[in-house]
């Protein structure tokens, strides 16, 4: 939650991580955009299409890059769905 609420300075374990403030800005802007417009996309993120069950696109926030990934962990989901 410190990343989403821009409270990185109050979370020593997170604050020590390189890139924590940048990650906090990326994530908090997505949450604010979602609250304001029902769409988490903002100019600092790559294109993020609306969720469709057929594609299961999720945004992956990583220190090195932020990407939209279709069917993230699809193999694991298939096991839980009894498809394997």
PDB file of N, CA and C in Angstrom:
ATOM      1  N   UNK A   1       0.795  -1.199   0.000  1.00  0.00           N
ATOM      2  CA  UNK A   1       0.000   0.000   0.000  1.00  0.00           C
ATOM      3  C   UNK A   1       0.846   1.275   0.000  1.00  0.00           C
ATOM      4  N   UNK A   2       2.043   1.294   0.593  1.00  0.00           N
ATOM      5  CA  UNK A   2       2.835   2.528   0.549  1.00  0.00           C
ATOM      6  C   UNK A   2       3.118   2.996  -0.880  1.00  0.00           C
ATOM      7  N   UNK A   3       3.249   2.052  -1.809  1.00  0.00           N
ATOM      8  CA  UNK A   3       3.493   2.444  -3.196  1.00  0.00           C
ATOM      9  C   UNK A   3       2.264   3.108  -3.803  1.00  0.00           C
ATOM     10  N   UNK A   4       1.105   2.594  -3.517  1.00  0.00           N
ATOM     11  CA  UNK A   4      -0.132   3.117  -4.081  1.00  0.00           C
ATOM     12  C   UNK A   4      -0.510   4.456  -3.463  1.00  0.00           C
ATOM     13  N   UNK A   5      -0.237   4.623  -2.184  1.00  0.00           N
ATOM     14  CA  UNK A   5      -0.652   5.836  -1.475  1.00  0.00           C
ATOM     15  C   UNK A   5       0.457   6.875  -1.368  1.00  0.00           C
ATOM     16  N   UNK A   6       1.561   6.644  -2.061  1.00  0.00           N
ATOM     17  CA  UNK A   6       2.720   7.557  -2.053  1.00  0.00           C
ATOM     18  C   UNK A   6       3.238   7.815  -0.636  1.00  0.00           C
ATOM     19  N   UNK A   7       3.328   6.768   0.137  1.00  0.00           N
ATOM     20  CA  UNK A   7       3.865   6.838   1.499  1.00  0.00           C
ATOM     21  C   UNK A   7       5.150   6.034   1.622  1.00  0.00           C
ATOM     22  N   UNK A   8       5.943   6.027   0.587  1.00  0.00           N
ATOM     23  CA  UNK A   8       7.182   5.248   0.562  1.00  0.00           C
ATOM     24  C   UNK A   8       8.116   5.673   1.694  1.00  0.00           C
ATOM     25  N   UNK A   9       8.149   6.963   1.991  1.00  0.00           N
ATOM     26  CA  UNK A   9       9.042   7.449   3.048  1.00  0.00           C
ATOM     27  C   UNK A   9       8.685   6.896   4.423  1.00  0.00           C
ATOM     28  N   UNK A  10       7.455   6.440   4.596  1.00  0.00           N
ATOM     29  CA  UNK A  10       7.018   5.903   5.887  1.00  0.00           C
ATOM     30  C   UNK A  10       7.180   4.386   5.975  1.00  0.00           C
ATOM     31  N   UNK A  11       7.707   3.789   4.933  1.00  0.00           N
ATOM     32  CA  UNK A  11       7.906   2.336   4.903  1.00  0.00           C
ATOM     33  C   UNK A  11       9.391   2.066   4.660  1.00  0.00           C
ATOM     34  N   UNK A  12      10.191   1.980   5.713  1.00  0.00           N
ATOM     35  CA  UNK A  12      11.644   1.851   5.560  1.00  0.00           C
ATOM     36  C   UNK A  12      12.084   0.702   4.654  1.00  0.00           C
ATOM     37  N   UNK A  13      11.416  -0.419   4.724  1.00  0.00           N
ATOM     38  CA  UNK A  13      11.826  -1.563   3.903  1.00  0.00           C
ATOM     39  C   UNK A  13      11.655  -1.258   2.416  1.00  0.00           C
ATOM     40  N   UNK A  14      10.648  -0.508   2.074  1.00  0.00           N
ATOM     41  CA  UNK A  14      10.409  -0.142   0.674  1.00  0.00           C
ATOM     42  C   UNK A  14      11.255   1.053   0.287  1.00  0.00           C
ATOM     43  N   UNK A  15      11.361   2.008   1.173  1.00  0.00           N
ATOM     44  CA  UNK A  15      12.086   3.250   0.892  1.00  0.00           C
ATOM     45  C   UNK A  15      13.549   2.988   0.538  1.00  0.00           C
ATOM     46  N   UNK A  16      14.110   1.907   1.073  1.00  0.00           N
ATOM     47  CA  UNK A  16      15.512   1.571   0.772  1.00  0.00           C
ATOM     48  C   UNK A  16      15.698   1.043  -0.650  1.00  0.00           C
ATOM     49  N   UNK A  17      14.626   0.638  -1.285  1.00  0.00           N
ATOM     50  CA  UNK A  17      14.712   0.065  -2.628  1.00  0.00           C
ATOM     51  C   UNK A  17      14.918   1.153  -3.675  1.00  0.00           C
ATOM     52  N   UNK A  18      15.899   0.930  -4.525  1.00  0.00           N
ATOM     53  CA  UNK A  18      16.131   1.869  -5.618  1.00  0.00           C
ATOM     54  C   UNK A  18      14.909   1.858  -6.534  1.00  0.00           C
ATOM     55  N   UNK A  19      14.415   3.013  -6.880  1.00  0.00           N
ATOM     56  CA  UNK A  19      13.266   3.108  -7.775  1.00  0.00           C
ATOM     57  C   UNK A  19      11.932   3.119  -7.070  1.00  0.00           C
ATOM     58  N   UNK A  20      11.914   3.074  -5.741  1.00  0.00           N
ATOM     59  CA  UNK A  20      10.643   3.016  -5.006  1.00  0.00           C
ATOM     60  C   UNK A  20       9.770   4.240  -5.266  1.00  0.00           C
ATOM     61  N   UNK A  21      10.376   5.411  -5.315  1.00  0.00           N
ATOM     62  CA  UNK A  21       9.578   6.626  -5.536  1.00  0.00           C
ATOM     63  C   UNK A  21       9.000   6.658  -6.952  1.00  0.00           C
ATOM     64  N   UNK A  22       9.778   6.218  -7.927  1.00  0.00           N
ATOM     65  CA  UNK A  22       9.265   6.161  -9.305  1.00  0.00           C
ATOM     66  C   UNK A  22       8.124   5.151  -9.401  1.00  0.00           C
ATOM     67  N   UNK A  23       8.315   3.988  -8.800  1.00  0.00           N
ATOM     68  CA  UNK A  23       7.267   2.970  -8.826  1.00  0.00           C
ATOM     69  C   UNK A  23       6.013   3.478  -8.135  1.00  0.00           C
ATOM     70  N   UNK A  24       6.190   4.180  -7.033  1.00  0.00           N
ATOM     71  CA  UNK A  24       5.055   4.736  -6.310  1.00  0.00           C
ATOM     72  C   UNK A  24       4.272   5.713  -7.185  1.00  0.00           C
ATOM     73  N   UNK A  25       4.987   6.543  -7.920  1.00  0.00           N
ATOM     74  CA  UNK A  25       4.296   7.492  -8.799  1.00  0.00           C
ATOM     75  C   UNK A  25       3.529   6.768  -9.894  1.00  0.00           C
ATOM     76  N   UNK A  26       4.138   5.768 -10.521  1.00  0.00           N
ATOM     77  CA  UNK A  26       3.456   5.005 -11.567  1.00  0.00           C
ATOM     78  C   UNK A  26       2.185   4.346 -11.040  1.00  0.00           C
ATOM     79  N   UNK A  27       2.309   3.686  -9.893  1.00  0.00           N
ATOM     80  CA  UNK A  27       1.169   2.946  -9.347  1.00  0.00           C
ATOM     81  C   UNK A  27       0.080   3.873  -8.813  1.00  0.00           C
ATOM     82  N   UNK A  28       0.469   4.902  -8.092  1.00  0.00           N
ATOM     83  CA  UNK A  28      -0.546   5.785  -7.522  1.00  0.00           C
ATOM     84  C   UNK A  28      -1.306   6.531  -8.609  1.00  0.00           C
ATOM     85  N   UNK A  29      -0.622   6.933  -9.671  1.00  0.00           N
ATOM     86  CA  UNK A  29      -1.317   7.600 -10.775  1.00  0.00           C
ATOM     87  C   UNK A  29      -2.333   6.666 -11.427  1.00  0.00           C
ATOM     88  N   UNK A  30      -1.990   5.383 -11.532  1.00  0.00           N
ATOM     89  CA  UNK A  30      -2.925   4.412 -12.107  1.00  0.00           C
ATOM     90  C   UNK A  30      -4.167   4.283 -11.224  1.00  0.00           C
ATOM     91  N   UNK A  31      -3.981   4.222  -9.920  1.00  0.00           N
ATOM     92  CA  UNK A  31      -5.122   4.117  -9.003  1.00  0.00           C
ATOM     93  C   UNK A  31      -5.987   5.377  -9.054  1.00  0.00           C
ATOM     94  N   UNK A  32      -5.360   6.540  -9.092  1.00  0.00           N
ATOM     95  CA  UNK A  32      -6.120   7.800  -9.162  1.00  0.00           C
ATOM     96  C   UNK A  32      -6.884   7.870 -10.480  1.00  0.00           C
ATOM     97  N   UNK A  33      -6.230   7.521 -11.575  1.00  0.00           N
ATOM     98  CA  UNK A  33      -6.912   7.533 -12.870  1.00  0.00           C
ATOM     99  C   UNK A  33      -8.103   6.584 -12.860  1.00  0.00           C
ATOM    100  N   UNK A  34      -7.926   5.420 -12.264  1.00  0.00           N
ATOM    101  CA  UNK A  34      -9.026   4.450 -12.176  1.00  0.00           C
ATOM    102  C   UNK A  34     -10.192   5.025 -11.368  1.00  0.00           C
ATOM    103  N   UNK A  35      -9.884   5.677 -10.262  1.00  0.00           N
ATOM    104  CA  UNK A  35     -10.939   6.255  -9.429  1.00  0.00           C
ATOM    105  C   UNK A  35     -11.666   7.396 -10.150  1.00  0.00           C
ATOM    106  N   UNK A  36     -10.919   8.171 -10.913  1.00  0.00           N
ATOM    107  CA  UNK A  36     -11.519   9.325 -11.581  1.00  0.00           C
ATOM    108  C   UNK A  36     -12.262   8.966 -12.866  1.00  0.00           C
ATOM    109  N   UNK A  37     -11.738   8.001 -13.627  1.00  0.00           N
ATOM    110  CA  UNK A  37     -12.274   7.763 -14.969  1.00  0.00           C
ATOM    111  C   UNK A  37     -12.673   6.320 -15.253  1.00  0.00           C
ATOM    112  N   UNK A  38     -12.476   5.425 -14.311  1.00  0.00           N
ATOM    113  CA  UNK A  38     -12.691   3.978 -14.499  1.00  0.00           C
ATOM    114  C   UNK A  38     -11.681   3.376 -15.480  1.00  0.00           C
ATOM    115  N   UNK A  39     -10.599   4.087 -15.737  1.00  0.00           N
ATOM    116  CA  UNK A  39      -9.547   3.631 -16.643  1.00  0.00           C
ATOM    117  C   UNK A  39      -8.207   3.939 -15.980  1.00  0.00           C
ATOM    118  N   UNK A  40      -7.385   2.941 -15.683  1.00  0.00           N
ATOM    119  CA  UNK A  40      -6.120   3.176 -14.981  1.00  0.00           C
ATOM    120  C   UNK A  40      -5.014   3.785 -15.830  1.00  0.00           C
ATOM    121  N   UNK A  41      -5.241   3.924 -17.123  1.00  0.00           N
ATOM    122  CA  UNK A  41      -4.173   4.420 -17.992  1.00  0.00           C
ATOM    123  C   UNK A  41      -3.858   5.882 -17.700  1.00  0.00           C
ATOM    124  N   UNK A  42      -2.565   6.204 -17.757  1.00  0.00           N
ATOM    125  CA  UNK A  42      -2.088   7.583 -17.668  1.00  0.00           C
ATOM    126  C   UNK A  42      -0.837   7.700 -18.536  1.00  0.00           C
ATOM    127  N   UNK A  43      -0.383   8.922 -18.831  1.00  0.00           N
ATOM    128  CA  UNK A  43       0.711   9.115 -19.793  1.00  0.00           C
ATOM    129  C   UNK A  43       2.026   8.407 -19.468  1.00  0.00           C
ATOM    130  N   UNK A  44       2.271   8.031 -18.231  1.00  0.00           N
ATOM    131  CA  UNK A  44       3.526   7.364 -17.886  1.00  0.00           C
ATOM    132  C   UNK A  44       3.484   5.852 -18.135  1.00  0.00           C
ATOM    133  N   UNK A  45       2.330   5.327 -18.549  1.00  0.00           N
ATOM    134  CA  UNK A  45       2.171   3.888 -18.772  1.00  0.00           C
ATOM    135  C   UNK A  45       2.047   3.578 -20.255  1.00  0.00           C
ATOM    136  N   UNK A  46       2.432   2.366 -20.666  1.00  0.00           N
ATOM    137  CA  UNK A  46       2.163   1.948 -22.041  1.00  0.00           C
ATOM    138  C   UNK A  46       0.650   1.769 -22.221  1.00  0.00           C
ATOM    139  N   UNK A  47       0.226   1.616 -23.440  1.00  0.00           N
ATOM    140  CA  UNK A  47      -1.213   1.444 -23.708  1.00  0.00           C
ATOM    141  C   UNK A  47      -1.751   0.261 -22.905  1.00  0.00           C
ATOM    142  N   UNK A  48      -2.903   0.458 -22.307  1.00  0.00           N
ATOM    143  CA  UNK A  48      -3.497  -0.548 -21.436  1.00  0.00           C
ATOM    144  C   UNK A  48      -4.960  -0.687 -21.816  1.00  0.00           C
ATOM    145  N   UNK A  49      -5.241  -1.654 -22.654  1.00  0.00           N
ATOM    146  CA  UNK A  49      -6.614  -1.866 -23.112  1.00  0.00           C
ATOM    147  C   UNK A  49      -7.476  -2.382 -21.970  1.00  0.00           C
ATOM    148  N   UNK A  50      -8.755  -2.173 -22.089  1.00  0.00           N
ATOM    149  CA  UNK A  50      -9.677  -2.687 -21.074  1.00  0.00           C
ATOM    150  C   UNK A  50      -9.598  -4.203 -20.973  1.00  0.00           C
ATOM    151  N   UNK A  51      -9.922  -4.703 -19.810  1.00  0.00           N
ATOM    152  CA  UNK A  51      -9.836  -6.143 -19.566  1.00  0.00           C
ATOM    153  C   UNK A  51     -10.875  -6.888 -20.394  1.00  0.00           C
ATOM    154  N   UNK A  52     -10.422  -7.929 -21.061  1.00  0.00           N
ATOM    155  CA  UNK A  52     -11.304  -8.832 -21.793  1.00  0.00           C
ATOM    156  C   UNK A  52     -10.948 -10.241 -21.366  1.00  0.00           C
ATOM    157  N   UNK A  53     -11.944 -11.023 -21.046  1.00  0.00           N
ATOM    158  CA  UNK A  53     -11.669 -12.392 -20.579  1.00  0.00           C
ATOM    159  C   UNK A  53     -10.868 -13.200 -21.602  1.00  0.00           C
ATOM    160  N   UNK A  54     -11.065 -12.928 -22.875  1.00  0.00           N
ATOM    161  CA  UNK A  54     -10.353 -13.689 -23.906  1.00  0.00           C
ATOM    162  C   UNK A  54      -8.853 -13.381 -23.932  1.00  0.00           C
ATOM    163  N   UNK A  55      -8.458 -12.170 -23.508  1.00  0.00           N
ATOM    164  CA  UNK A  55      -7.041 -11.787 -23.522  1.00  0.00           C
ATOM    165  C   UNK A  55      -6.429 -11.759 -22.127  1.00  0.00           C
ATOM    166  N   UNK A  56      -7.220 -11.438 -21.118  1.00  0.00           N
ATOM    167  CA  UNK A  56      -6.769 -11.379 -19.725  1.00  0.00           C
ATOM    168  C   UNK A  56      -5.519 -10.501 -19.556  1.00  0.00           C
ATOM    169  N   UNK A  57      -5.549  -9.313 -20.132  1.00  0.00           N
ATOM    170  CA  UNK A  57      -4.403  -8.415 -20.078  1.00  0.00           C
ATOM    171  C   UNK A  57      -4.242  -7.814 -18.686  1.00  0.00           C
ATOM    172  N   UNK A  58      -3.032  -7.851 -18.177  1.00  0.00           N
ATOM    173  CA  UNK A  58      -2.702  -7.255 -16.879  1.00  0.00           C
ATOM    174  C   UNK A  58      -1.476  -6.355 -17.060  1.00  0.00           C
ATOM    175  N   UNK A  59      -1.413  -5.289 -16.284  1.00  0.00           N
ATOM    176  CA  UNK A  59      -0.248  -4.419 -16.325  1.00  0.00           C
ATOM    177  C   UNK A  59       0.758  -4.933 -15.301  1.00  0.00           C
ATOM    178  N   UNK A  60       1.983  -5.125 -15.740  1.00  0.00           N
ATOM    179  CA  UNK A  60       3.058  -5.611 -14.881  1.00  0.00           C
ATOM    180  C   UNK A  60       3.954  -4.423 -14.542  1.00  0.00           C
ATOM    181  N   UNK A  61       3.966  -4.053 -13.267  1.00  0.00           N
ATOM    182  CA  UNK A  61       4.803  -2.957 -12.793  1.00  0.00           C
ATOM    183  C   UNK A  61       6.118  -3.550 -12.310  1.00  0.00           C
ATOM    184  N   UNK A  62       7.205  -3.196 -12.970  1.00  0.00           N
ATOM    185  CA  UNK A  62       8.521  -3.694 -12.614  1.00  0.00           C
ATOM    186  C   UNK A  62       9.477  -2.508 -12.595  1.00  0.00           C
ATOM    187  N   UNK A  63      10.540  -2.597 -11.822  1.00  0.00           N
ATOM    188  CA  UNK A  63      11.485  -1.485 -11.751  1.00  0.00           C
ATOM    189  C   UNK A  63      12.140  -1.194 -13.095  1.00  0.00           C
ATOM    190  N   UNK A  64      12.380  -2.220 -13.889  1.00  0.00           N
ATOM    191  CA  UNK A  64      13.045  -2.034 -15.177  1.00  0.00           C
ATOM    192  C   UNK A  64      12.091  -1.592 -16.278  1.00  0.00           C
ATOM    193  N   UNK A  65      10.847  -2.034 -16.196  1.00  0.00           N
ATOM    194  CA  UNK A  65       9.882  -1.696 -17.245  1.00  0.00           C
ATOM    195  C   UNK A  65       8.462  -1.970 -16.755  1.00  0.00           C
ATOM    196  N   UNK A  66       7.541  -1.313 -17.391  1.00  0.00           N
ATOM    197  CA  UNK A  66       6.130  -1.546 -17.126  1.00  0.00           C
ATOM    198  C   UNK A  66       5.518  -1.986 -18.455  1.00  0.00           C
ATOM    199  N   UNK A  67       4.881  -3.146 -18.452  1.00  0.00           N
ATOM    200  CA  UNK A  67       4.339  -3.703 -19.698  1.00  0.00           C
ATOM    201  C   UNK A  67       2.943  -4.268 -19.477  1.00  0.00           C
ATOM    202  N   UNK A  68       2.170  -4.246 -20.558  1.00  0.00           N
ATOM    203  CA  UNK A  68       0.880  -4.931 -20.563  1.00  0.00           C
ATOM    204  C   UNK A  68       1.153  -6.353 -21.031  1.00  0.00           C
ATOM    205  N   UNK A  69       0.690  -7.332 -20.282  1.00  0.00           N
ATOM    206  CA  UNK A  69       0.980  -8.736 -20.576  1.00  0.00           C
ATOM    207  C   UNK A  69      -0.338  -9.491 -20.700  1.00  0.00           C
ATOM    208  N   UNK A  70      -0.540 -10.120 -21.853  1.00  0.00           N
ATOM    209  CA  UNK A  70      -1.748 -10.924 -22.055  1.00  0.00           C
ATOM    210  C   UNK A  70      -1.619 -12.262 -21.339  1.00  0.00           C
ATOM    211  N   UNK A  71      -2.644 -12.613 -20.610  1.00  0.00           N
ATOM    212  CA  UNK A  71      -2.749 -13.894 -19.900  1.00  0.00           C
ATOM    213  C   UNK A  71      -1.537 -14.164 -19.017  1.00  0.00           C
ATOM    214  N   UNK A  72      -1.195 -13.198 -18.199  1.00  0.00           N
ATOM    215  CA  UNK A  72      -0.097 -13.324 -17.250  1.00  0.00           C
ATOM    216  C   UNK A  72      -0.311 -14.556 -16.377  1.00  0.00           C
ATOM    217  N   UNK A  73       0.708 -15.370 -16.256  1.00  0.00           N
ATOM    218  CA  UNK A  73       0.623 -16.618 -15.481  1.00  0.00           C
ATOM    219  C   UNK A  73      -0.486 -17.538 -16.016  1.00  0.00           C
ATOM    220  N   UNK A  74      -0.656 -17.536 -17.324  1.00  0.00           N
ATOM    221  CA  UNK A  74      -1.702 -18.342 -17.954  1.00  0.00           C
ATOM    222  C   UNK A  74      -1.592 -19.827 -17.651  1.00  0.00           C
ATOM    223  N   UNK A  75      -0.377 -20.346 -17.600  1.00  0.00           N
ATOM    224  CA  UNK A  75      -0.199 -21.773 -17.320  1.00  0.00           C
ATOM    225  C   UNK A  75      -0.669 -22.111 -15.909  1.00  0.00           C
ATOM    226  N   UNK A  76      -0.374 -21.233 -14.949  1.00  0.00           N
ATOM    227  CA  UNK A  76      -0.823 -21.455 -13.574  1.00  0.00           C
ATOM    228  C   UNK A  76      -2.337 -21.378 -13.494  1.00  0.00           C
ATOM    229  N   UNK A  77      -2.917 -20.377 -14.166  1.00  0.00           N
ATOM    230  CA  UNK A  77      -4.372 -20.233 -14.177  1.00  0.00           C
ATOM    231  C   UNK A  77      -5.033 -21.475 -14.766  1.00  0.00           C
ATOM    232  N   UNK A  78      -4.449 -22.024 -15.826  1.00  0.00           N
ATOM    233  CA  UNK A  78      -5.008 -23.210 -16.459  1.00  0.00           C
ATOM    234  C   UNK A  78      -5.061 -24.392 -15.495  1.00  0.00           C
ATOM    235  N   UNK A  79      -4.038 -24.526 -14.665  1.00  0.00           N
ATOM    236  CA  UNK A  79      -4.031 -25.603 -13.666  1.00  0.00           C
ATOM    237  C   UNK A  79      -5.165 -25.408 -12.682  1.00  0.00           C
ATOM    238  N   UNK A  80      -5.308 -24.176 -12.156  1.00  0.00           N
ATOM    239  CA  UNK A  80      -6.377 -23.892 -11.198  1.00  0.00           C
ATOM    240  C   UNK A  80      -7.754 -24.063 -11.819  1.00  0.00           C
ATOM    241  N   UNK A  81      -7.869 -23.771 -13.120  1.00  0.00           N
ATOM    242  CA  UNK A  81      -9.158 -23.930 -13.819  1.00  0.00           C
ATOM    243  C   UNK A  81      -9.422 -25.373 -14.205  1.00  0.00           C
ATOM    244  N   UNK A  82      -8.463 -26.288 -13.913  1.00  0.00           N
ATOM    245  CA  UNK A  82      -8.639 -27.697 -14.249  1.00  0.00           C
ATOM    246  C   UNK A  82      -8.460 -27.981 -15.722  1.00  0.00           C
ATOM    247  N   UNK A  83      -7.737 -27.114 -16.423  1.00  0.00           N
ATOM    248  CA  UNK A  83      -7.547 -27.271 -17.864  1.00  0.00           C
ATOM    249  C   UNK A  83      -6.296 -28.082 -18.189  1.00  0.00           C
ATOM    250  N   UNK A  84      -5.527 -28.467 -17.185  1.00  0.00           N
ATOM    251  CA  UNK A  84      -4.287 -29.209 -17.432  1.00  0.00           C
ATOM    252  C   UNK A  84      -4.370 -30.538 -16.728  1.00  0.00           C
TER     253      UNK A  84
END
